[in-house]
PDB file of N, CA and C in Angstrom:
ATOM      1  N   UNK A   1      10.482  11.916 -11.418  1.00  0.00           N
ATOM      2  CA  UNK A   1      10.346  13.206 -10.932  1.00  0.00           C
ATOM      3  C   UNK A   1       9.419  13.490  -9.792  1.00  0.00           C
ATOM      4  N   UNK A   2       9.934  14.298  -9.007  1.00  0.00           N
ATOM      5  CA  UNK A   2       9.139  14.686  -7.718  1.00  0.00           C
ATOM      6  C   UNK A   2       7.866  15.417  -7.996  1.00  0.00           C
ATOM      7  N   UNK A   3       6.522  15.108  -7.558  1.00  0.00           N
ATOM      8  CA  UNK A   3       5.482  15.500  -8.092  1.00  0.00           C
ATOM      9  C   UNK A   3       4.383  15.955  -6.646  1.00  0.00           C
ATOM     10  N   UNK A   4       5.129  15.271  -5.684  1.00  0.00           N
ATOM     11  CA  UNK A   4       4.505  15.328  -4.249  1.00  0.00           C
ATOM     12  C   UNK A   4       3.071  14.397  -4.278  1.00  0.00           C
ATOM     13  N   UNK A   5       3.057  13.443  -5.416  1.00  0.00           N
ATOM     14  CA  UNK A   5       1.925  12.258  -5.174  1.00  0.00           C
ATOM     15  C   UNK A   5       2.471  11.201  -4.854  1.00  0.00           C
ATOM     16  N   UNK A   6       1.279  10.490  -4.215  1.00  0.00           N
ATOM     17  CA  UNK A   6       1.849   9.090  -3.376  1.00  0.00           C
ATOM     18  C   UNK A   6       1.624   8.302  -4.624  1.00  0.00           C
ATOM     19  N   UNK A   7       2.671   7.226  -5.098  1.00  0.00           N
ATOM     20  CA  UNK A   7       2.591   6.444  -6.212  1.00  0.00           C
ATOM     21  C   UNK A   7       2.285   5.127  -5.400  1.00  0.00           C
ATOM     22  N   UNK A   8       1.184   4.761  -5.084  1.00  0.00           N
ATOM     23  CA  UNK A   8       1.023   3.650  -4.227  1.00  0.00           C
ATOM     24  C   UNK A   8       1.165   2.464  -5.036  1.00  0.00           C
ATOM     25  N   UNK A   9       0.460   2.316  -6.173  1.00  0.00           N
ATOM     26  CA  UNK A   9       0.529   1.405  -6.891  1.00  0.00           C
ATOM     27  C   UNK A   9       2.041   0.982  -7.647  1.00  0.00           C
ATOM     28  N   UNK A  10       2.616   2.059  -8.006  1.00  0.00           N
ATOM     29  CA  UNK A  10       4.214   1.825  -8.650  1.00  0.00           C
ATOM     30  C   UNK A  10       5.051   1.007  -7.597  1.00  0.00           C
ATOM     31  N   UNK A  11       4.805   1.725  -6.452  1.00  0.00           N
ATOM     32  CA  UNK A  11       5.719   1.166  -5.071  1.00  0.00           C
ATOM     33  C   UNK A  11       5.431  -0.241  -4.706  1.00  0.00           C
ATOM     34  N   UNK A  12       4.071  -0.358  -4.608  1.00  0.00           N
ATOM     35  CA  UNK A  12       3.668  -1.864  -4.707  1.00  0.00           C
ATOM     36  C   UNK A  12       4.522  -2.792  -5.748  1.00  0.00           C
ATOM     37  N   UNK A  13       4.087  -2.321  -6.906  1.00  0.00           N
ATOM     38  CA  UNK A  13       4.653  -3.092  -8.024  1.00  0.00           C
ATOM     39  C   UNK A  13       6.219  -3.277  -7.790  1.00  0.00           C
ATOM     40  N   UNK A  14       6.959  -2.293  -7.735  1.00  0.00           N
ATOM     41  CA  UNK A  14       8.125  -2.300  -7.557  1.00  0.00           C
ATOM     42  C   UNK A  14       8.632  -3.528  -6.409  1.00  0.00           C
ATOM     43  N   UNK A  15       7.838  -3.220  -5.151  1.00  0.00           N
ATOM     44  CA  UNK A  15       8.384  -4.092  -4.471  1.00  0.00           C
ATOM     45  C   UNK A  15       8.366  -5.440  -4.285  1.00  0.00           C
ATOM     46  N   UNK A  16       7.065  -5.887  -5.263  1.00  0.00           N
ATOM     47  CA  UNK A  16       6.916  -7.169  -5.554  1.00  0.00           C
ATOM     48  C   UNK A  16       7.807  -7.826  -6.417  1.00  0.00           C
ATOM     49  N   UNK A  17       8.806  -6.843  -7.150  1.00  0.00           N
ATOM     50  CA  UNK A  17       9.356  -7.745  -7.961  1.00  0.00           C
ATOM     51  C   UNK A  17      10.997  -7.600  -7.254  1.00  0.00           C
ATOM     52  N   UNK A  18      11.379  -7.494  -6.130  1.00  0.00           N
ATOM     53  CA  UNK A  18      12.438  -7.543  -5.258  1.00  0.00           C
ATOM     54  C   UNK A  18      12.590  -9.298  -4.842  1.00  0.00           C
ATOM     55  N   UNK A  19      13.123  -9.966  -5.043  1.00  0.00           N
ATOM     56  CA  UNK A  19      13.357 -11.366  -4.870  1.00  0.00           C
ATOM     57  C   UNK A  19      13.544 -11.697  -3.498  1.00  0.00           C
ATOM     58  N   UNK A  20      14.143 -10.805  -2.620  1.00  0.00           N
ATOM     59  CA  UNK A  20      14.111 -11.406  -1.262  1.00  0.00           C
ATOM     60  C   UNK A  20      13.004 -10.989  -0.361  1.00  0.00           C
ATOM     61  N   UNK A  21      12.268 -10.020  -0.764  1.00  0.00           N
ATOM     62  CA  UNK A  21      11.232  -9.317   0.193  1.00  0.00           C
ATOM     63  C   UNK A  21       9.783 -10.275   0.696  1.00  0.00           C
ATOM     64  N   UNK A  22      10.138 -10.214   1.833  1.00  0.00           N
ATOM     65  CA  UNK A  22       8.794 -10.916   2.371  1.00  0.00           C
ATOM     66  C   UNK A  22       7.771  -9.840   3.422  1.00  0.00           C
ATOM     67  N   UNK A  23       8.115  -8.756   3.289  1.00  0.00           N
ATOM     68  CA  UNK A  23       7.282  -7.463   3.986  1.00  0.00           C
ATOM     69  C   UNK A  23       7.413  -6.411   3.344  1.00  0.00           C
ATOM     70  N   UNK A  24       6.271  -5.770   3.366  1.00  0.00           N
ATOM     71  CA  UNK A  24       6.184  -4.484   2.737  1.00  0.00           C
ATOM     72  C   UNK A  24       5.890  -3.536   4.006  1.00  0.00           C
ATOM     73  N   UNK A  25       6.505  -2.045   4.414  1.00  0.00           N
ATOM     74  CA  UNK A  25       6.194  -1.319   5.186  1.00  0.00           C
ATOM     75  C   UNK A  25       5.511   0.030   4.257  1.00  0.00           C
ATOM     76  N   UNK A  26       4.665   0.225   4.179  1.00  0.00           N
ATOM     77  CA  UNK A  26       3.841   1.600   3.482  1.00  0.00           C
ATOM     78  C   UNK A  26       3.679   2.373   4.279  1.00  0.00           C
ATOM     79  N   UNK A  27       4.009   3.429   4.036  1.00  0.00           N
ATOM     80  CA  UNK A  27       4.072   4.855   4.940  1.00  0.00           C
ATOM     81  C   UNK A  27       3.250   6.006   3.931  1.00  0.00           C
ATOM     82  N   UNK A  28       1.902   6.465   4.130  1.00  0.00           N
ATOM     83  CA  UNK A  28       1.378   7.246   3.377  1.00  0.00           C
ATOM     84  C   UNK A  28       0.092   7.727   3.680  1.00  0.00           C
ATOM     85  N   UNK A  29      -0.502   8.900   3.404  1.00  0.00           N
ATOM     86  CA  UNK A  29      -1.488   9.570   3.722  1.00  0.00           C
ATOM     87  C   UNK A  29      -2.304   8.868   3.209  1.00  0.00           C
ATOM     88  N   UNK A  30      -2.818   7.837   2.441  1.00  0.00           N
ATOM     89  CA  UNK A  30      -3.479   7.005   1.666  1.00  0.00           C
ATOM     90  C   UNK A  30      -4.089   7.498   0.543  1.00  0.00           C
ATOM     91  N   UNK A  31      -3.484   8.631  -0.046  1.00  0.00           N
ATOM     92  CA  UNK A  31      -4.127   9.189  -1.222  1.00  0.00           C
ATOM     93  C   UNK A  31      -3.325   8.578  -2.621  1.00  0.00           C
ATOM     94  N   UNK A  32      -3.618   7.711  -3.278  1.00  0.00           N
ATOM     95  CA  UNK A  32      -3.005   7.181  -4.477  1.00  0.00           C
ATOM     96  C   UNK A  32      -3.089   8.030  -5.663  1.00  0.00           C
ATOM     97  N   UNK A  33      -2.231   8.749  -6.012  1.00  0.00           N
ATOM     98  CA  UNK A  33      -2.305   9.603  -7.119  1.00  0.00           C
ATOM     99  C   UNK A  33      -0.791   9.684  -7.839  1.00  0.00           C
ATOM    100  N   UNK A  34      -0.904  10.317  -8.933  1.00  0.00           N
ATOM    101  CA  UNK A  34       0.203  10.182 -10.066  1.00  0.00           C
ATOM    102  C   UNK A  34       0.955   8.936  -9.991  1.00  0.00           C
ATOM    103  N   UNK A  35       0.326   7.681 -10.202  1.00  0.00           N
ATOM    104  CA  UNK A  35       0.302   6.478 -10.423  1.00  0.00           C
ATOM    105  C   UNK A  35       0.035   5.561 -11.696  1.00  0.00           C
ATOM    106  N   UNK A  36       0.220   4.631 -12.163  1.00  0.00           N
ATOM    107  CA  UNK A  36      -0.326   3.984 -13.251  1.00  0.00           C
ATOM    108  C   UNK A  36      -1.508   3.417 -12.855  1.00  0.00           C
ATOM    109  N   UNK A  37      -1.849   3.310 -11.524  1.00  0.00           N
ATOM    110  CA  UNK A  37      -3.297   2.900 -11.006  1.00  0.00           C
ATOM    111  C   UNK A  37      -3.610   3.833  -9.695  1.00  0.00           C
ATOM    112  N   UNK A  38      -4.575   4.641  -9.653  1.00  0.00           N
ATOM    113  CA  UNK A  38      -4.925   5.346  -8.746  1.00  0.00           C
ATOM    114  C   UNK A  38      -6.408   4.912  -7.619  1.00  0.00           C
ATOM    115  N   UNK A  39      -6.944   4.189  -8.224  1.00  0.00           N
ATOM    116  CA  UNK A  39      -8.237   3.564  -7.607  1.00  0.00           C
ATOM    117  C   UNK A  39      -7.929   2.648  -6.233  1.00  0.00           C
ATOM    118  N   UNK A  40      -8.251   2.754  -5.104  1.00  0.00           N
ATOM    119  CA  UNK A  40      -7.956   1.867  -4.059  1.00  0.00           C
ATOM    120  C   UNK A  40      -8.691   0.332  -4.501  1.00  0.00           C
ATOM    121  N   UNK A  41      -9.657   0.426  -4.912  1.00  0.00           N
ATOM    122  CA  UNK A  41     -10.355  -0.819  -5.519  1.00  0.00           C
ATOM    123  C   UNK A  41      -9.315  -1.623  -6.507  1.00  0.00           C
ATOM    124  N   UNK A  42      -8.836  -0.905  -7.507  1.00  0.00           N
ATOM    125  CA  UNK A  42      -7.898  -1.565  -8.433  1.00  0.00           C
ATOM    126  C   UNK A  42      -6.513  -2.146  -7.785  1.00  0.00           C
ATOM    127  N   UNK A  43      -6.115  -1.217  -6.695  1.00  0.00           N
ATOM    128  CA  UNK A  43      -4.861  -1.316  -6.152  1.00  0.00           C
ATOM    129  C   UNK A  43      -4.823  -2.902  -5.172  1.00  0.00           C
ATOM    130  N   UNK A  44      -6.202  -2.962  -4.745  1.00  0.00           N
ATOM    131  CA  UNK A  44      -6.381  -4.149  -3.877  1.00  0.00           C
ATOM    132  C   UNK A  44      -6.640  -5.392  -4.660  1.00  0.00           C
ATOM    133  N   UNK A  45      -7.226  -5.449  -5.962  1.00  0.00           N
ATOM    134  CA  UNK A  45      -7.176  -6.449  -6.339  1.00  0.00           C
ATOM    135  C   UNK A  45      -5.749  -6.856  -7.250  1.00  0.00           C
ATOM    136  N   UNK A  46      -4.952  -5.864  -8.003  1.00  0.00           N
ATOM    137  CA  UNK A  46      -3.896  -6.160  -8.266  1.00  0.00           C
ATOM    138  C   UNK A  46      -3.101  -6.682  -7.183  1.00  0.00           C
ATOM    139  N   UNK A  47      -2.966  -6.186  -6.032  1.00  0.00           N
ATOM    140  CA  UNK A  47      -2.140  -6.476  -4.786  1.00  0.00           C
ATOM    141  C   UNK A  47      -2.457  -8.062  -4.316  1.00  0.00           C
ATOM    142  N   UNK A  48      -3.935  -8.359  -4.785  1.00  0.00           N
ATOM    143  CA  UNK A  48      -4.269  -9.793  -4.222  1.00  0.00           C
ATOM    144  C   UNK A  48      -3.753 -10.869  -5.543  1.00  0.00           C
ATOM    145  N   UNK A  49      -3.603 -10.111  -6.470  1.00  0.00           N
ATOM    146  CA  UNK A  49      -2.964 -11.143  -7.801  1.00  0.00           C
ATOM    147  C   UNK A  49      -1.510 -11.217  -7.382  1.00  0.00           C
ATOM    148  N   UNK A  50      -1.011 -10.345  -7.109  1.00  0.00           N
ATOM    149  CA  UNK A  50       0.378 -10.482  -6.762  1.00  0.00           C
ATOM    150  C   UNK A  50       0.683 -11.134  -5.340  1.00  0.00           C
ATOM    151  N   UNK A  51       0.024 -11.166  -4.459  1.00  0.00           N
ATOM    152  CA  UNK A  51       0.128 -12.349  -3.187  1.00  0.00           C
ATOM    153  C   UNK A  51      -0.284 -13.481  -3.540  1.00  0.00           C
ATOM    154  N   UNK A  52      -1.332 -13.559  -4.743  1.00  0.00           N
ATOM    155  CA  UNK A  52      -1.611 -15.285  -5.064  1.00  0.00           C
ATOM    156  C   UNK A  52      -0.409 -15.842  -5.551  1.00  0.00           C
ATOM    157  N   UNK A  53       0.430 -15.126  -6.272  1.00  0.00           N
ATOM    158  CA  UNK A  53       1.844 -16.018  -6.556  1.00  0.00           C
ATOM    159  C   UNK A  53       3.072 -15.818  -5.571  1.00  0.00           C
ATOM    160  N   UNK A  54       2.959 -14.654  -4.954  1.00  0.00           N
ATOM    161  CA  UNK A  54       4.285 -14.511  -3.868  1.00  0.00           C
ATOM    162  C   UNK A  54       3.608 -13.841  -2.726  1.00  0.00           C
ATOM    163  N   UNK A  55       3.266 -14.339  -1.717  1.00  0.00           N
ATOM    164  CA  UNK A  55       2.852 -13.752  -0.382  1.00  0.00           C
ATOM    165  C   UNK A  55       3.391 -12.986   0.274  1.00  0.00           C
ATOM    166  N   UNK A  56       3.444 -11.825   0.267  1.00  0.00           N
ATOM    167  CA  UNK A  56       3.935 -10.991   1.147  1.00  0.00           C
ATOM    168  C   UNK A  56       3.059 -10.012   2.011  1.00  0.00           C
ATOM    169  N   UNK A  57       3.469  -9.882   3.268  1.00  0.00           N
ATOM    170  CA  UNK A  57       2.750  -9.202   4.506  1.00  0.00           C
ATOM    171  C   UNK A  57       2.970  -7.734   3.913  1.00  0.00           C
ATOM    172  N   UNK A  58       1.976  -6.901   4.170  1.00  0.00           N
ATOM    173  CA  UNK A  58       1.927  -5.589   3.794  1.00  0.00           C
ATOM    174  C   UNK A  58       1.430  -4.841   5.192  1.00  0.00           C
ATOM    175  N   UNK A  59       2.297  -3.815   5.788  1.00  0.00           N
ATOM    176  CA  UNK A  59       1.820  -3.169   6.896  1.00  0.00           C
ATOM    177  C   UNK A  59       1.680  -1.875   6.454  1.00  0.00           C
ATOM    178  N   UNK A  60       0.877  -0.822   6.944  1.00  0.00           N
ATOM    179  CA  UNK A  60       0.830   0.338   6.685  1.00  0.00           C
ATOM    180  C   UNK A  60       0.860   1.417   7.869  1.00  0.00           C
ATOM    181  N   UNK A  61       1.558   2.618   7.724  1.00  0.00           N
ATOM    182  CA  UNK A  61       1.499   3.436   8.731  1.00  0.00           C
ATOM    183  C   UNK A  61       0.816   4.639   8.043  1.00  0.00           C
ATOM    184  N   UNK A  62      -0.019   4.978   8.947  1.00  0.00           N
ATOM    185  CA  UNK A  62      -0.647   6.414   8.194  1.00  0.00           C
ATOM    186  C   UNK A  62      -0.356   7.689   8.500  1.00  0.00           C
ATOM    187  N   UNK A  63      -0.176   8.739   8.139  1.00  0.00           N
ATOM    188  CA  UNK A  63       0.411   9.956   8.125  1.00  0.00           C
ATOM    189  C   UNK A  63      -1.003  10.948   7.862  1.00  0.00           C
ATOM    190  N   UNK A  64      -1.568  11.090   8.584  1.00  0.00           N
ATOM    191  CA  UNK A  64      -2.672  12.106   8.182  1.00  0.00           C
ATOM    192  C   UNK A  64      -3.781  11.706   7.195  1.00  0.00           C
ATOM    193  N   UNK A  65      -4.467  10.644   7.299  1.00  0.00           N
ATOM    194  CA  UNK A  65      -4.883  10.114   6.064  1.00  0.00           C
ATOM    195  C   UNK A  65      -6.671  10.761   6.583  1.00  0.00           C
ATOM    196  N   UNK A  66      -7.332  11.162   5.873  1.00  0.00           N
ATOM    197  CA  UNK A  66      -8.900  11.378   5.598  1.00  0.00           C
ATOM    198  C   UNK A  66      -9.310   9.716   6.094  1.00  0.00           C
ATOM    199  N   UNK A  67     -10.720  10.118   6.467  1.00  0.00           N
ATOM    200  CA  UNK A  67     -11.328   8.991   7.144  1.00  0.00           C
ATOM    201  C   UNK A  67     -11.297   7.966   6.064  1.00  0.00           C
ATOM    202  N   UNK A  68     -11.860   8.196   4.801  1.00  0.00           N
ATOM    203  CA  UNK A  68     -12.123   7.096   3.686  1.00  0.00           C
ATOM    204  C   UNK A  68     -10.704   6.435   3.211  1.00  0.00           C
ATOM    205  N   UNK A  69      -9.421   7.471   3.187  1.00  0.00           N
ATOM    206  CA  UNK A  69      -8.361   6.868   2.943  1.00  0.00           C
ATOM    207  C   UNK A  69      -7.459   5.878   3.996  1.00  0.00           C
ATOM    208  N   UNK A  70      -8.305   6.463   5.273  1.00  0.00           N
ATOM    209  CA  UNK A  70      -7.768   5.484   6.604  1.00  0.00           C
ATOM    210  C   UNK A  70      -8.140   4.033   6.352  1.00  0.00           C
ATOM    211  N   UNK A  71      -9.470   4.012   5.981  1.00  0.00           N
ATOM    212  CA  UNK A  71     -10.311   2.738   5.604  1.00  0.00           C
ATOM    213  C   UNK A  71      -9.264   1.846   4.897  1.00  0.00           C
ATOM    214  N   UNK A  72      -9.069   2.307   3.417  1.00  0.00           N
ATOM    215  CA  UNK A  72      -8.326   1.892   2.640  1.00  0.00           C
ATOM    216  C   UNK A  72      -7.036   1.302   3.186  1.00  0.00           C
ATOM    217  N   UNK A  73      -6.215   2.375   3.838  1.00  0.00           N
ATOM    218  CA  UNK A  73      -4.696   1.462   4.359  1.00  0.00           C
ATOM    219  C   UNK A  73      -4.839   0.505   5.596  1.00  0.00           C
ATOM    220  N   UNK A  74      -5.930   0.471   6.249  1.00  0.00           N
ATOM    221  CA  UNK A  74      -6.373  -0.469   7.199  1.00  0.00           C
ATOM    222  C   UNK A  74      -6.733  -1.641   6.440  1.00  0.00           C
ATOM    223  N   UNK A  75      -7.510  -1.700   5.807  1.00  0.00           N
ATOM    224  CA  UNK A  75      -7.979  -3.110   4.610  1.00  0.00           C
ATOM    225  C   UNK A  75      -7.019  -3.327   3.860  1.00  0.00           C
ATOM    226  N   UNK A  76      -5.802  -2.397   3.431  1.00  0.00           N
ATOM    227  CA  UNK A  76      -4.682  -3.228   2.814  1.00  0.00           C
ATOM    228  C   UNK A  76      -4.000  -3.724   3.759  1.00  0.00           C
ATOM    229  N   UNK A  77      -3.464  -3.311   4.829  1.00  0.00           N
ATOM    230  CA  UNK A  77      -2.979  -4.195   5.717  1.00  0.00           C
ATOM    231  C   UNK A  77      -3.540  -5.370   6.253  1.00  0.00           C
ATOM    232  N   UNK A  78      -4.922  -5.433   6.473  1.00  0.00           N
ATOM    233  CA  UNK A  78      -5.710  -6.699   6.734  1.00  0.00           C
ATOM    234  C   UNK A  78      -6.003  -7.850   5.957  1.00  0.00           C
ATOM    235  N   UNK A  79      -5.968  -7.229   4.627  1.00  0.00           N
ATOM    236  CA  UNK A  79      -6.079  -8.474   3.564  1.00  0.00           C
ATOM    237  C   UNK A  79      -4.596  -8.776   3.404  1.00  0.00           C
ATOM    238  N   UNK A  80      -3.444  -8.368   3.622  1.00  0.00           N
ATOM    239  CA  UNK A  80      -2.531  -9.038   3.438  1.00  0.00           C
ATOM    240  C   UNK A  80      -1.513  -9.179   4.502  1.00  0.00           C
ATOM    241  N   UNK A  81      -2.120  -9.737   5.520  1.00  0.00           N
ATOM    242  CA  UNK A  81      -1.347 -10.156   6.726  1.00  0.00           C
ATOM    243  C   UNK A  81      -0.043  -9.360   7.511  1.00  0.00           C
ATOM    244  N   UNK A  82      -1.046  -8.301   7.675  1.00  0.00           N
ATOM    245  CA  UNK A  82       0.015  -7.030   8.175  1.00  0.00           C
ATOM    246  C   UNK A  82      -1.080  -6.317   9.110  1.00  0.00           C
ATOM    247  N   UNK A  83      -0.469  -5.159   9.588  1.00  0.00           N
ATOM    248  CA  UNK A  83      -1.192  -4.442  10.784  1.00  0.00           C
ATOM    249  C   UNK A  83      -0.951  -2.939  10.158  1.00  0.00           C
ATOM    250  N   UNK A  84      -2.107  -2.057  10.569  1.00  0.00           N
ATOM    251  CA  UNK A  84      -1.955  -0.739  10.372  1.00  0.00           C
ATOM    252  C   UNK A  84      -1.922   0.046  11.550  1.00  0.00           C
ATOM    253  N   UNK A  85      -1.025   1.375  11.642  1.00  0.00           N
ATOM    254  CA  UNK A  85      -0.915   1.936  12.761  1.00  0.00           C
ATOM    255  C   UNK A  85      -0.548   3.433  12.430  1.00  0.00           C
ATOM    256  N   UNK A  86      -0.474   4.086  13.316  1.00  0.00           N
ATOM    257  CA  UNK A  86      -0.056   5.688  13.077  1.00  0.00           C
ATOM    258  C   UNK A  86       1.127   5.851  13.572  1.00  0.00           C
ATOM    259  N   UNK A  87       1.991   6.759  13.611  1.00  0.00           N
ATOM    260  CA  UNK A  87       3.336   7.079  14.168  1.00  0.00           C
ATOM    261  C   UNK A  87       3.391   7.348  15.587  1.00  0.00           C
ATOM    262  N   UNK A  88       3.714   7.106  16.474  1.00  0.00           N
ATOM    263  CA  UNK A  88       3.844   7.573  17.840  1.00  0.00           C
ATOM    264  C   UNK A  88       4.877   8.868  17.843  1.00  0.00           C
ATOM    265  N   UNK A  89       4.067   9.962  18.580  1.00  0.00           N
ATOM    266  CA  UNK A  89       4.845  11.197  18.906  1.00  0.00           C
ATOM    267  C   UNK A  89       5.725  10.970  19.741  1.00  0.00           C
TER     268      UNK A  89
END
Protein backbone atom coordinates (compact mmCIF):
# COMPACT_ATOMS: atom_id res chain seq x y z
CA UNK A 1 0.00 0.00 0.00
CA UNK A 2 1.41 3.40 -1.00
CA UNK A 3 2.01 5.61 2.05
CA UNK A 4 4.79 7.87 0.73
CA UNK A 5 7.11 6.48 3.41
CA UNK A 6 10.61 5.15 2.81
CA UNK A 7 10.58 1.54 3.96
CA UNK A 8 14.35 1.37 4.37
CA UNK A 9 14.54 -1.76 6.49
CA UNK A 10 11.88 -3.64 4.53
CA UNK A 11 13.72 -2.93 1.27
CA UNK A 12 17.08 -4.01 2.68
CA UNK A 13 15.62 -7.19 4.16
CA UNK A 14 13.98 -8.09 0.85
CA UNK A 15 17.17 -7.39 -1.10
CA UNK A 16 19.24 -9.69 1.12
CA UNK A 17 16.87 -12.54 0.32
CA UNK A 18 17.57 -12.36 -3.43
CA UNK A 19 20.04 -15.19 -4.11
CA UNK A 20 22.08 -13.66 -6.95
CA UNK A 21 22.37 -10.16 -5.50
CA UNK A 22 25.83 -8.72 -4.78
CA UNK A 23 25.06 -4.97 -4.80
CA UNK A 24 22.24 -2.78 -3.51
CA UNK A 25 21.63 0.73 -4.88
CA UNK A 26 19.45 2.49 -2.32
CA UNK A 27 17.73 5.72 -3.45
CA UNK A 28 16.27 7.77 -0.61
CA UNK A 29 15.81 11.07 1.19
CA UNK A 30 17.21 9.24 4.21
CA UNK A 31 14.05 9.21 6.30
CA UNK A 32 13.20 5.60 7.22
CA UNK A 33 9.48 5.49 8.02
CA UNK A 34 6.53 3.09 7.71
CA UNK A 35 8.80 0.06 8.09
CA UNK A 36 9.35 -2.75 10.58
CA UNK A 37 12.44 -0.85 11.83
CA UNK A 38 12.63 2.95 11.61
CA UNK A 39 15.77 3.90 13.58
CA UNK A 40 19.01 4.26 11.62
CA UNK A 41 21.03 2.73 14.47
CA UNK A 42 18.94 -0.46 14.30
CA UNK A 43 19.02 -0.52 10.49
CA UNK A 44 22.84 -0.29 10.58
CA UNK A 45 23.06 -3.08 13.16
CA UNK A 46 20.72 -5.42 11.30
CA UNK A 47 22.45 -4.72 7.97
CA UNK A 48 25.74 -5.58 9.68
CA UNK A 49 24.24 -8.94 10.72
CA UNK A 50 22.96 -9.55 7.16
CA UNK A 51 26.43 -8.72 5.77
CA UNK A 52 28.17 -11.01 8.22
CA UNK A 53 26.54 -14.00 6.53
CA UNK A 54 26.30 -12.64 3.00
CA UNK A 55 28.46 -9.65 2.04
CA UNK A 56 26.64 -7.25 -0.27
CA UNK A 57 27.89 -3.79 -1.28
CA UNK A 58 25.44 -0.98 -0.48
CA UNK A 59 25.52 2.22 -2.54
CA UNK A 60 23.27 5.15 -1.64
CA UNK A 61 21.85 7.92 -3.79
CA UNK A 62 20.68 10.92 -1.76
CA UNK A 63 17.58 12.88 -2.73
CA UNK A 64 17.15 16.10 -0.70
CA UNK A 65 18.24 14.49 2.57
CA UNK A 66 18.50 16.60 5.72
CA UNK A 67 21.95 16.89 7.31
CA UNK A 68 21.41 14.07 9.84
CA UNK A 69 19.82 11.77 7.27
CA UNK A 70 22.61 12.54 4.81
CA UNK A 71 25.14 11.34 7.39
CA UNK A 72 23.18 8.11 7.89
CA UNK A 73 23.06 7.41 4.14
CA UNK A 74 26.78 8.07 3.80
CA UNK A 75 27.57 5.87 6.79
CA UNK A 76 25.46 3.05 5.36
CA UNK A 77 27.45 3.12 2.12
CA UNK A 78 30.81 3.48 3.89
CA UNK A 79 30.18 0.55 6.23
CA UNK A 80 29.15 -1.80 3.47
CA UNK A 81 31.73 -1.34 0.70
CA UNK A 82 29.74 1.20 -1.29
CA UNK A 83 29.81 4.89 -2.04
CA UNK A 84 27.26 7.61 -1.57
CA UNK A 85 26.33 10.45 -3.86
CA UNK A 86 23.71 12.79 -5.23
CA UNK A 87 22.12 12.54 -8.66
CA UNK A 88 23.62 14.85 -11.26
CA UNK A 89 21.32 17.37 -12.95
